[in-house]
PDB file of N, CA and C in Angstrom:
ATOM      1  N   MET A   1       0.748  -1.118   0.336  1.00  0.00           N
ATOM      2  CA  MET A   1      -0.117   0.015  -0.054  1.00  0.00           C
ATOM      3  C   MET A   1       1.005   1.060   0.284  1.00  0.00           C
ATOM      4  N   LYS A   2       0.465   2.387  -0.665  1.00  0.00           N
ATOM      5  CA  LYS A   2       0.872   3.699  -0.541  1.00  0.00           C
ATOM      6  C   LYS A   2       0.186   4.380  -0.123  1.00  0.00           C
ATOM      7  N   SER A   3       0.688   5.508   1.008  1.00  0.00           N
ATOM      8  CA  SER A   3      -0.269   6.131   1.661  1.00  0.00           C
ATOM      9  C   SER A   3      -0.280   7.787   0.442  1.00  0.00           C
ATOM     10  N   LYS A   4      -1.070   8.150   0.535  1.00  0.00           N
ATOM     11  CA  LYS A   4      -1.032   9.697  -0.079  1.00  0.00           C
ATOM     12  C   LYS A   4      -2.415  10.445  -0.085  1.00  0.00           C
ATOM     13  N   ASN A   5      -1.582  11.539   0.792  1.00  0.00           N
ATOM     14  CA  ASN A   5      -2.746  12.288   1.101  1.00  0.00           C
ATOM     15  C   ASN A   5      -3.745  12.160   2.034  1.00  0.00           C
ATOM     16  N   SER A   6      -3.508  11.134   3.182  1.00  0.00           N
ATOM     17  CA  SER A   6      -4.170  10.277   3.829  1.00  0.00           C
ATOM     18  C   SER A   6      -5.214   9.112   3.273  1.00  0.00           C
ATOM     19  N   GLN A   7      -4.655   8.810   2.140  1.00  0.00           N
ATOM     20  CA  GLN A   7      -5.614   8.075   1.416  1.00  0.00           C
ATOM     21  C   GLN A   7      -4.667   6.892   0.676  1.00  0.00           C
ATOM     22  N   THR A   8      -5.424   5.781   0.984  1.00  0.00           N
ATOM     23  CA  THR A   8      -4.465   4.825   0.612  1.00  0.00           C
ATOM     24  C   THR A   8      -4.667   4.127  -0.770  1.00  0.00           C
ATOM     25  N   THR A   9      -3.751   3.897  -1.669  1.00  0.00           N
ATOM     26  CA  THR A   9      -3.909   2.832  -2.833  1.00  0.00           C
ATOM     27  C   THR A   9      -3.497   1.324  -2.768  1.00  0.00           C
ATOM     28  N   THR A  10      -4.579   1.260  -3.144  1.00  0.00           N
ATOM     29  CA  THR A  10      -4.597  -0.807  -3.092  1.00  0.00           C
ATOM     30  C   THR A  10      -4.321  -1.647  -3.885  1.00  0.00           C
ATOM     31  N   ASN A  11      -4.545  -2.459  -3.943  1.00  0.00           N
ATOM     32  CA  ASN A  11      -5.051  -3.512  -5.677  1.00  0.00           C
ATOM     33  C   ASN A  11      -6.300  -3.409  -6.024  1.00  0.00           C
ATOM     34  N   TYR A  12      -7.283  -2.987  -4.930  1.00  0.00           N
ATOM     35  CA  TYR A  12      -8.769  -2.856  -5.069  1.00  0.00           C
ATOM     36  C   TYR A  12      -8.566  -1.463  -5.754  1.00  0.00           C
ATOM     37  N   THR A  13      -9.814  -1.697  -6.856  1.00  0.00           N
ATOM     38  CA  THR A  13     -10.278  -0.284  -7.402  1.00  0.00           C
ATOM     39  C   THR A  13     -10.969   0.141  -7.212  1.00  0.00           C
ATOM     40  N   PRO A  14     -11.808   1.007  -5.985  1.00  0.00           N
ATOM     41  CA  PRO A  14     -12.928   1.475  -6.112  1.00  0.00           C
ATOM     42  C   PRO A  14     -13.748   2.079  -6.873  1.00  0.00           C
ATOM     43  N   GLY A  15     -15.070   1.964  -6.577  1.00  0.00           N
ATOM     44  CA  GLY A  15     -15.988   2.886  -7.489  1.00  0.00           C
ATOM     45  C   GLY A  15     -15.773   4.243  -7.141  1.00  0.00           C
ATOM     46  N   THR A  16     -16.460   4.931  -6.322  1.00  0.00           N
ATOM     47  CA  THR A  16     -16.252   5.958  -5.729  1.00  0.00           C
ATOM     48  C   THR A  16     -15.892   6.243  -4.441  1.00  0.00           C
ATOM     49  N   ALA A  17     -16.087   5.117  -3.342  1.00  0.00           N
ATOM     50  CA  ALA A  17     -15.364   5.491  -2.310  1.00  0.00           C
ATOM     51  C   ALA A  17     -14.275   5.419  -2.057  1.00  0.00           C
ATOM     52  N   PRO A  18     -13.931   6.519  -1.368  1.00  0.00           N
ATOM     53  CA  PRO A  18     -12.424   6.659  -0.997  1.00  0.00           C
ATOM     54  C   PRO A  18     -11.990   5.694  -0.201  1.00  0.00           C
ATOM     55  N   VAL A  19     -10.249   5.295  -0.182  1.00  0.00           N
ATOM     56  CA  VAL A  19     -10.073   4.514   0.445  1.00  0.00           C
ATOM     57  C   VAL A  19      -8.704   4.933   1.070  1.00  0.00           C
ATOM     58  N   TYR A  20      -8.729   4.340   2.375  1.00  0.00           N
ATOM     59  CA  TYR A  20      -7.901   5.089   3.544  1.00  0.00           C
ATOM     60  C   TYR A  20      -7.128   4.019   4.287  1.00  0.00           C
ATOM     61  N   ASN A  21      -6.261   3.978   4.838  1.00  0.00           N
ATOM     62  CA  ASN A  21      -5.686   3.257   5.785  1.00  0.00           C
ATOM     63  C   ASN A  21      -6.307   3.445   7.272  1.00  0.00           C
ATOM     64  N   TRP A  22      -6.425   2.529   7.805  1.00  0.00           N
ATOM     65  CA  TRP A  22      -7.223   2.460   9.102  1.00  0.00           C
ATOM     66  C   TRP A  22      -6.835   3.622   9.721  1.00  0.00           C
ATOM     67  N   ASN A  23      -5.266   3.837  10.121  1.00  0.00           N
ATOM     68  CA  ASN A  23      -4.316   4.626  11.220  1.00  0.00           C
ATOM     69  C   ASN A  23      -4.760   5.777  10.667  1.00  0.00           C
ATOM     70  N   ASP A  24      -5.236   6.396   9.582  1.00  0.00           N
ATOM     71  CA  ASP A  24      -5.337   7.537   8.774  1.00  0.00           C
ATOM     72  C   ASP A  24      -7.054   8.454   8.537  1.00  0.00           C
ATOM     73  N   ILE A  25      -7.777   7.544   9.531  1.00  0.00           N
ATOM     74  CA  ILE A  25      -9.203   7.718   9.576  1.00  0.00           C
ATOM     75  C   ILE A  25      -9.372   9.354  10.499  1.00  0.00           C
ATOM     76  N   ASN A  26      -9.801  10.006  10.294  1.00  0.00           N
ATOM     77  CA  ASN A  26      -9.601  11.274  11.002  1.00  0.00           C
ATOM     78  C   ASN A  26     -10.945  12.122  10.700  1.00  0.00           C
ATOM     79  N   GLU A  27     -11.780  11.468  10.260  1.00  0.00           N
ATOM     80  CA  GLU A  27     -13.099  11.869  10.223  1.00  0.00           C
ATOM     81  C   GLU A  27     -14.697  10.970   9.987  1.00  0.00           C
ATOM     82  N   PRO A  28     -15.672  11.208  10.964  1.00  0.00           N
ATOM     83  CA  PRO A  28     -16.334  10.310  11.517  1.00  0.00           C
ATOM     84  C   PRO A  28     -17.458   9.756  10.197  1.00  0.00           C
ATOM     85  N   GLY A  29     -17.640   8.090  10.286  1.00  0.00           N
ATOM     86  CA  GLY A  29     -18.612   7.661   9.138  1.00  0.00           C
ATOM     87  C   GLY A  29     -18.758   6.391   9.245  1.00  0.00           C
ATOM     88  N   THR A  30     -19.121   5.555   8.184  1.00  0.00           N
ATOM     89  CA  THR A  30     -19.074   4.306   8.110  1.00  0.00           C
ATOM     90  C   THR A  30     -18.296   3.875   7.077  1.00  0.00           C
ATOM     91  N   TYR A  31     -17.337   3.183   7.696  1.00  0.00           N
ATOM     92  CA  TYR A  31     -16.297   2.356   6.497  1.00  0.00           C
ATOM     93  C   TYR A  31     -16.330   1.078   6.736  1.00  0.00           C
ATOM     94  N   LEU A  32     -15.724   0.325   5.582  1.00  0.00           N
ATOM     95  CA  LEU A  32     -16.053  -1.180   5.309  1.00  0.00           C
ATOM     96  C   LEU A  32     -14.632  -1.395   5.105  1.00  0.00           C
ATOM     97  N   PHE A  33     -13.974  -2.548   5.911  1.00  0.00           N
ATOM     98  CA  PHE A  33     -12.785  -3.058   5.821  1.00  0.00           C
ATOM     99  C   PHE A  33     -12.914  -3.839   4.107  1.00  0.00           C
ATOM    100  N   ILE A  34     -11.967  -3.415   3.364  1.00  0.00           N
ATOM    101  CA  ILE A  34     -11.957  -4.168   2.224  1.00  0.00           C
ATOM    102  C   ILE A  34     -11.847  -5.858   2.240  1.00  0.00           C
ATOM    103  N   GLU A  35     -10.497  -6.054   3.094  1.00  0.00           N
ATOM    104  CA  GLU A  35     -10.497  -7.602   2.789  1.00  0.00           C
ATOM    105  C   GLU A  35     -11.234  -8.634   3.645  1.00  0.00           C
ATOM    106  N   TRP A  36     -12.019  -7.830   4.419  1.00  0.00           N
ATOM    107  CA  TRP A  36     -12.921  -8.708   5.216  1.00  0.00           C
ATOM    108  C   TRP A  36     -14.429  -8.410   4.922  1.00  0.00           C
ATOM    109  N   GLY A  37     -14.812  -7.336   4.340  1.00  0.00           N
ATOM    110  CA  GLY A  37     -16.666  -6.922   4.444  1.00  0.00           C
ATOM    111  C   GLY A  37     -16.861  -6.497   5.776  1.00  0.00           C
ATOM    112  N   THR A  38     -16.035  -6.131   6.386  1.00  0.00           N
ATOM    113  CA  THR A  38     -16.985  -6.098   7.762  1.00  0.00           C
ATOM    114  C   THR A  38     -17.086  -4.456   7.702  1.00  0.00           C
ATOM    115  N   LEU A  39     -18.281  -4.135   8.118  1.00  0.00           N
ATOM    116  CA  LEU A  39     -18.722  -2.634   8.634  1.00  0.00           C
ATOM    117  C   LEU A  39     -17.944  -2.030   9.831  1.00  0.00           C
ATOM    118  N   CYS A  40     -17.418  -1.310  10.047  1.00  0.00           N
ATOM    119  CA  CYS A  40     -17.217  -0.226  10.921  1.00  0.00           C
ATOM    120  C   CYS A  40     -17.905   1.095  11.109  1.00  0.00           C
ATOM    121  N   ARG A  41     -18.183   1.289  12.047  1.00  0.00           N
ATOM    122  CA  ARG A  41     -19.210   2.726  12.246  1.00  0.00           C
ATOM    123  C   ARG A  41     -18.035   3.737  13.230  1.00  0.00           C
ATOM    124  N   VAL A  42     -17.603   4.766  12.990  1.00  0.00           N
ATOM    125  CA  VAL A  42     -16.790   5.644  13.568  1.00  0.00           C
ATOM    126  C   VAL A  42     -17.583   6.759  13.932  1.00  0.00           C
ATOM    127  N   PRO A  43     -17.914   7.296  15.026  1.00  0.00           N
ATOM    128  CA  PRO A  43     -18.854   8.277  15.643  1.00  0.00           C
ATOM    129  C   PRO A  43     -17.668   9.465  16.306  1.00  0.00           C
ATOM    130  N   TYR A  44     -18.444  10.293  15.713  1.00  0.00           N
ATOM    131  CA  TYR A  44     -17.672  12.115  16.140  1.00  0.00           C
ATOM    132  C   TYR A  44     -16.777  11.562  17.022  1.00  0.00           C
ATOM    133  N   ASP A  45     -17.254  11.444  18.424  1.00  0.00           N
ATOM    134  CA  ASP A  45     -16.118  10.896  19.615  1.00  0.00           C
ATOM    135  C   ASP A  45     -15.118  10.326  19.329  1.00  0.00           C
ATOM    136  N   GLY A  46     -15.238   9.499  18.391  1.00  0.00           N
ATOM    137  CA  GLY A  46     -14.314   8.765  18.329  1.00  0.00           C
ATOM    138  C   GLY A  46     -13.026   8.913  17.392  1.00  0.00           C
ATOM    139  N   VAL A  47     -13.299  10.172  16.469  1.00  0.00           N
ATOM    140  CA  VAL A  47     -12.116  10.943  16.253  1.00  0.00           C
ATOM    141  C   VAL A  47     -11.697  12.626  16.624  1.00  0.00           C
ATOM    142  N   ALA A  48     -12.415  12.905  17.758  1.00  0.00           N
ATOM    143  CA  ALA A  48     -12.118  14.206  17.871  1.00  0.00           C
ATOM    144  C   ALA A  48     -11.175  14.273  18.974  1.00  0.00           C
ATOM    145  N   GLU A  49     -10.693  15.811  18.992  1.00  0.00           N
ATOM    146  CA  GLU A  49      -9.757  15.955  19.390  1.00  0.00           C
ATOM    147  C   GLU A  49      -9.663  15.793  20.800  1.00  0.00           C
ATOM    148  N   GLY A  50      -8.589  15.063  21.804  1.00  0.00           N
ATOM    149  CA  GLY A  50      -9.234  15.493  23.345  1.00  0.00           C
ATOM    150  C   GLY A  50     -10.134  14.246  23.679  1.00  0.00           C
ATOM    151  N   ARG A  51     -10.593  13.232  22.481  1.00  0.00           N
ATOM    152  CA  ARG A  51     -11.027  12.581  23.203  1.00  0.00           C
ATOM    153  C   ARG A  51     -10.722  11.509  23.317  1.00  0.00           C
ATOM    154  N   SER A  52     -11.444  10.290  24.319  1.00  0.00           N
ATOM    155  CA  SER A  52     -10.565   9.066  23.569  1.00  0.00           C
ATOM    156  C   SER A  52     -11.058   8.078  22.701  1.00  0.00           C
ATOM    157  N   PRO A  53     -10.366   7.563  22.282  1.00  0.00           N
ATOM    158  CA  PRO A  53     -10.919   6.907  20.885  1.00  0.00           C
ATOM    159  C   PRO A  53     -11.785   5.681  20.993  1.00  0.00           C
ATOM    160  N   ARG A  54     -12.873   5.843  20.727  1.00  0.00           N
ATOM    161  CA  ARG A  54     -13.737   4.730  20.667  1.00  0.00           C
ATOM    162  C   ARG A  54     -13.718   3.452  19.858  1.00  0.00           C
ATOM    163  N   VAL A  55     -13.003   3.506  19.071  1.00  0.00           N
ATOM    164  CA  VAL A  55     -12.709   2.340  18.249  1.00  0.00           C
ATOM    165  C   VAL A  55     -11.317   2.046  18.114  1.00  0.00           C
ATOM    166  N   THR A  56     -10.351   1.104  18.373  1.00  0.00           N
ATOM    167  CA  THR A  56      -9.275   0.708  18.214  1.00  0.00           C
ATOM    168  C   THR A  56      -8.899  -0.499  17.690  1.00  0.00           C
ATOM    169  N   PHE A  57      -8.418  -0.515  16.851  1.00  0.00           N
ATOM    170  CA  PHE A  57      -7.494  -1.298  15.749  1.00  0.00           C
ATOM    171  C   PHE A  57      -5.920  -2.110  16.059  1.00  0.00           C
ATOM    172  N   PHE A  58      -6.105  -2.896  16.180  1.00  0.00           N
ATOM    173  CA  PHE A  58      -4.186  -3.249  16.078  1.00  0.00           C
ATOM    174  C   PHE A  58      -3.975  -4.275  14.716  1.00  0.00           C
ATOM    175  N   SER A  59      -3.199  -3.985  14.221  1.00  0.00           N
ATOM    176  CA  SER A  59      -2.217  -5.675  13.107  1.00  0.00           C
ATOM    177  C   SER A  59      -1.037  -5.067  12.664  1.00  0.00           C
ATOM    178  N   ASN A  60      -0.504  -6.309  12.506  1.00  0.00           N
ATOM    179  CA  ASN A  60       0.501  -6.278  12.001  1.00  0.00           C
ATOM    180  C   ASN A  60       0.934  -5.544  10.741  1.00  0.00           C
ATOM    181  N   ILE A  61      -0.445  -5.355   9.906  1.00  0.00           N
ATOM    182  CA  ILE A  61      -0.311  -5.009   8.194  1.00  0.00           C
ATOM    183  C   ILE A  61      -1.159  -4.046   8.280  1.00  0.00           C
ATOM    184  N   PRO A  62      -0.793  -2.996   7.323  1.00  0.00           N
ATOM    185  CA  PRO A  62      -1.650  -1.975   6.843  1.00  0.00           C
ATOM    186  C   PRO A  62      -3.034  -2.576   6.634  1.00  0.00           C
ATOM    187  N   VAL A  63      -4.151  -1.557   6.826  1.00  0.00           N
ATOM    188  CA  VAL A  63      -5.209  -1.977   6.878  1.00  0.00           C
ATOM    189  C   VAL A  63      -6.743  -1.069   6.260  1.00  0.00           C
ATOM    190  N   ALA A  64      -6.584  -1.280   4.895  1.00  0.00           N
ATOM    191  CA  ALA A  64      -7.186  -0.584   3.866  1.00  0.00           C
ATOM    192  C   ALA A  64      -8.710  -0.731   4.150  1.00  0.00           C
ATOM    193  N   VAL A  65      -9.364   0.527   4.626  1.00  0.00           N
ATOM    194  CA  VAL A  65     -11.195   0.625   4.697  1.00  0.00           C
ATOM    195  C   VAL A  65     -11.631   1.740   3.538  1.00  0.00           C
ATOM    196  N   ALA A  66     -12.620   1.179   3.120  1.00  0.00           N
ATOM    197  CA  ALA A  66     -13.394   2.436   2.314  1.00  0.00           C
ATOM    198  C   ALA A  66     -14.229   2.968   3.350  1.00  0.00           C
ATOM    199  N   LYS A  67     -14.463   4.464   2.586  1.00  0.00           N
ATOM    200  CA  LYS A  67     -15.295   5.304   3.375  1.00  0.00           C
ATOM    201  C   LYS A  67     -16.997   5.313   2.812  1.00  0.00           C
ATOM    202  N   LEU A  68     -17.934   4.642   3.060  1.00  0.00           N
ATOM    203  CA  LEU A  68     -19.244   4.434   2.640  1.00  0.00           C
ATOM    204  C   LEU A  68     -20.190   5.678   2.421  1.00  0.00           C
ATOM    205  N   SER A  69     -19.892   6.213   3.991  1.00  0.00           N
ATOM    206  CA  SER A  69     -20.588   7.640   4.042  1.00  0.00           C
ATOM    207  C   SER A  69     -20.094   8.456   4.982  1.00  0.00           C
ATOM    208  N   ASP A  70     -20.583   9.545   4.933  1.00  0.00           N
ATOM    209  CA  ASP A  70     -19.817  10.758   6.390  1.00  0.00           C
ATOM    210  C   ASP A  70     -20.428  10.427   7.519  1.00  0.00           C
ATOM    211  N   ASP A  71     -22.340   9.451   7.208  1.00  0.00           N
ATOM    212  CA  ASP A  71     -22.692   9.586   8.188  1.00  0.00           C
ATOM    213  C   ASP A  71     -22.573   8.276   9.497  1.00  0.00           C
ATOM    214  N   PRO A  72     -22.263   7.977  10.514  1.00  0.00           N
ATOM    215  CA  PRO A  72     -21.539   6.960  10.988  1.00  0.00           C
ATOM    216  C   PRO A  72     -23.253   6.230  11.175  1.00  0.00           C
ATOM    217  N   TYR A  73     -24.026   6.299  11.341  1.00  0.00           N
ATOM    218  CA  TYR A  73     -25.414   5.545  11.417  1.00  0.00           C
ATOM    219  C   TYR A  73     -26.351   5.572  10.395  1.00  0.00           C
ATOM    220  N   ILE A  74     -25.721   5.147   8.931  1.00  0.00           N
ATOM    221  CA  ILE A  74     -26.711   4.792   8.025  1.00  0.00           C
ATOM    222  C   ILE A  74     -27.388   3.413   8.452  1.00  0.00           C
ATOM    223  N   PRO A  75     -28.733   3.288   7.483  1.00  0.00           N
ATOM    224  CA  PRO A  75     -28.930   2.252   7.708  1.00  0.00           C
ATOM    225  C   PRO A  75     -28.044   0.891   7.253  1.00  0.00           C
ATOM    226  N   ILE A  76     -28.258  -0.368   7.702  1.00  0.00           N
ATOM    227  CA  ILE A  76     -27.383  -1.150   7.487  1.00  0.00           C
ATOM    228  C   ILE A  76     -27.519  -1.810   5.983  1.00  0.00           C
ATOM    229  N   SER A  77     -28.971  -1.578   5.598  1.00  0.00           N
ATOM    230  CA  SER A  77     -29.304  -1.781   4.093  1.00  0.00           C
ATOM    231  C   SER A  77     -28.510  -0.914   3.349  1.00  0.00           C
ATOM    232  N   LYS A  78     -28.709   0.489   3.450  1.00  0.00           N
ATOM    233  CA  LYS A  78     -28.060   1.161   2.827  1.00  0.00           C
ATOM    234  C   LYS A  78     -26.360   0.933   2.859  1.00  0.00           C
ATOM    235  N   ALA A  79     -25.709   1.005   3.441  1.00  0.00           N
ATOM    236  CA  ALA A  79     -24.151   0.774   3.611  1.00  0.00           C
ATOM    237  C   ALA A  79     -24.218  -0.777   2.769  1.00  0.00           C
ATOM    238  N   ARG A  80     -24.861  -1.497   3.247  1.00  0.00           N
ATOM    239  CA  ARG A  80     -24.668  -3.324   2.261  1.00  0.00           C
ATOM    240  C   ARG A  80     -24.839  -2.480   0.635  1.00  0.00           C
ATOM    241  N   GLN A  81     -25.924  -1.431   0.454  1.00  0.00           N
ATOM    242  CA  GLN A  81     -26.508  -0.960  -1.371  1.00  0.00           C
ATOM    243  C   GLN A  81     -24.864  -0.434  -1.751  1.00  0.00           C
ATOM    244  N   LEU A  82     -24.401   0.520  -0.562  1.00  0.00           N
ATOM    245  CA  LEU A  82     -22.966   1.384  -1.073  1.00  0.00           C
ATOM    246  C   LEU A  82     -21.581   0.438  -1.316  1.00  0.00           C
ATOM    247  N   ALA A  83     -21.738  -0.584  -0.402  1.00  0.00           N
ATOM    248  CA  ALA A  83     -20.570  -1.508  -0.674  1.00  0.00           C
ATOM    249  C   ALA A  83     -21.141  -2.415  -2.381  1.00  0.00           C
ATOM    250  N   ALA A  84     -22.362  -2.555  -2.042  1.00  0.00           N
ATOM    251  CA  ALA A  84     -22.465  -3.466  -3.695  1.00  0.00           C
ATOM    252  C   ALA A  84     -21.923  -2.609  -4.976  1.00  0.00           C
ATOM    253  N   ASP A  85     -22.366  -1.348  -4.524  1.00  0.00           N
ATOM    254  CA  ASP A  85     -22.266  -0.063  -5.711  1.00  0.00           C
ATOM    255  C   ASP A  85     -20.645  -0.183  -6.051  1.00  0.00           C
ATOM    256  N   ASN A  86     -19.774  -0.625  -4.988  1.00  0.00           N
ATOM    257  CA  ASN A  86     -18.621  -0.163  -5.226  1.00  0.00           C
ATOM    258  C   ASN A  86     -17.963  -1.381  -5.154  1.00  0.00           C
ATOM    259  N   ASP A  87     -18.238  -2.804  -5.656  1.00  0.00           N
ATOM    260  CA  ASP A  87     -17.849  -3.939  -5.726  1.00  0.00           C
ATOM    261  C   ASP A  87     -17.426  -4.018  -4.622  1.00  0.00           C
ATOM    262  N   LEU A  88     -17.318  -3.974  -3.528  1.00  0.00           N
ATOM    263  CA  LEU A  88     -16.618  -4.521  -2.338  1.00  0.00           C
ATOM    264  C   LEU A  88     -17.678  -5.459  -1.836  1.00  0.00           C
ATOM    265  N   VAL A  89     -16.716  -6.347  -0.930  1.00  0.00           N
ATOM    266  CA  VAL A  89     -17.551  -7.624  -0.608  1.00  0.00           C
ATOM    267  C   VAL A  89     -18.051  -7.115   0.756  1.00  0.00           C
ATOM    268  N   VAL A  90     -19.325  -7.647   0.697  1.00  0.00           N
ATOM    269  CA  VAL A  90     -20.482  -7.804   2.072  1.00  0.00           C
ATOM    270  C   VAL A  90     -20.365  -8.836   2.992  1.00  0.00           C
ATOM    271  N   ASN A  91     -19.737  -8.297   4.168  1.00  0.00           N
ATOM    272  CA  ASN A  91     -19.795  -9.574   5.136  1.00  0.00           C
ATOM    273  C   ASN A  91     -20.575  -8.979   6.362  1.00  0.00           C
ATOM    274  N   PHE A  92     -21.738  -8.447   6.662  1.00  0.00           N
ATOM    275  CA  PHE A  92     -22.116  -8.036   7.822  1.00  0.00           C
ATOM    276  C   PHE A  92     -23.566  -7.814   7.161  1.00  0.00           C
TER     277      PHE A  92
END
């Protein structure tokens, strides 16, 4: 993976969903782990300065996520639709 402006390029070519390295997430939203198709909701408090992160993920390898929405609370059905529209694996 190559990091460029907080976005990550991988072997995956997304439709319109921006792809980030997990460690570069700095905005709330609904994200999808590209490798596993697992959904992750990152609330405002999870990225707000001075707040304890509510979401922590540790890995020995870079983990790519696709941002499906700026809204961390979109309905599951909408998240599935957005993932499918971007040819992403859905495992939630």
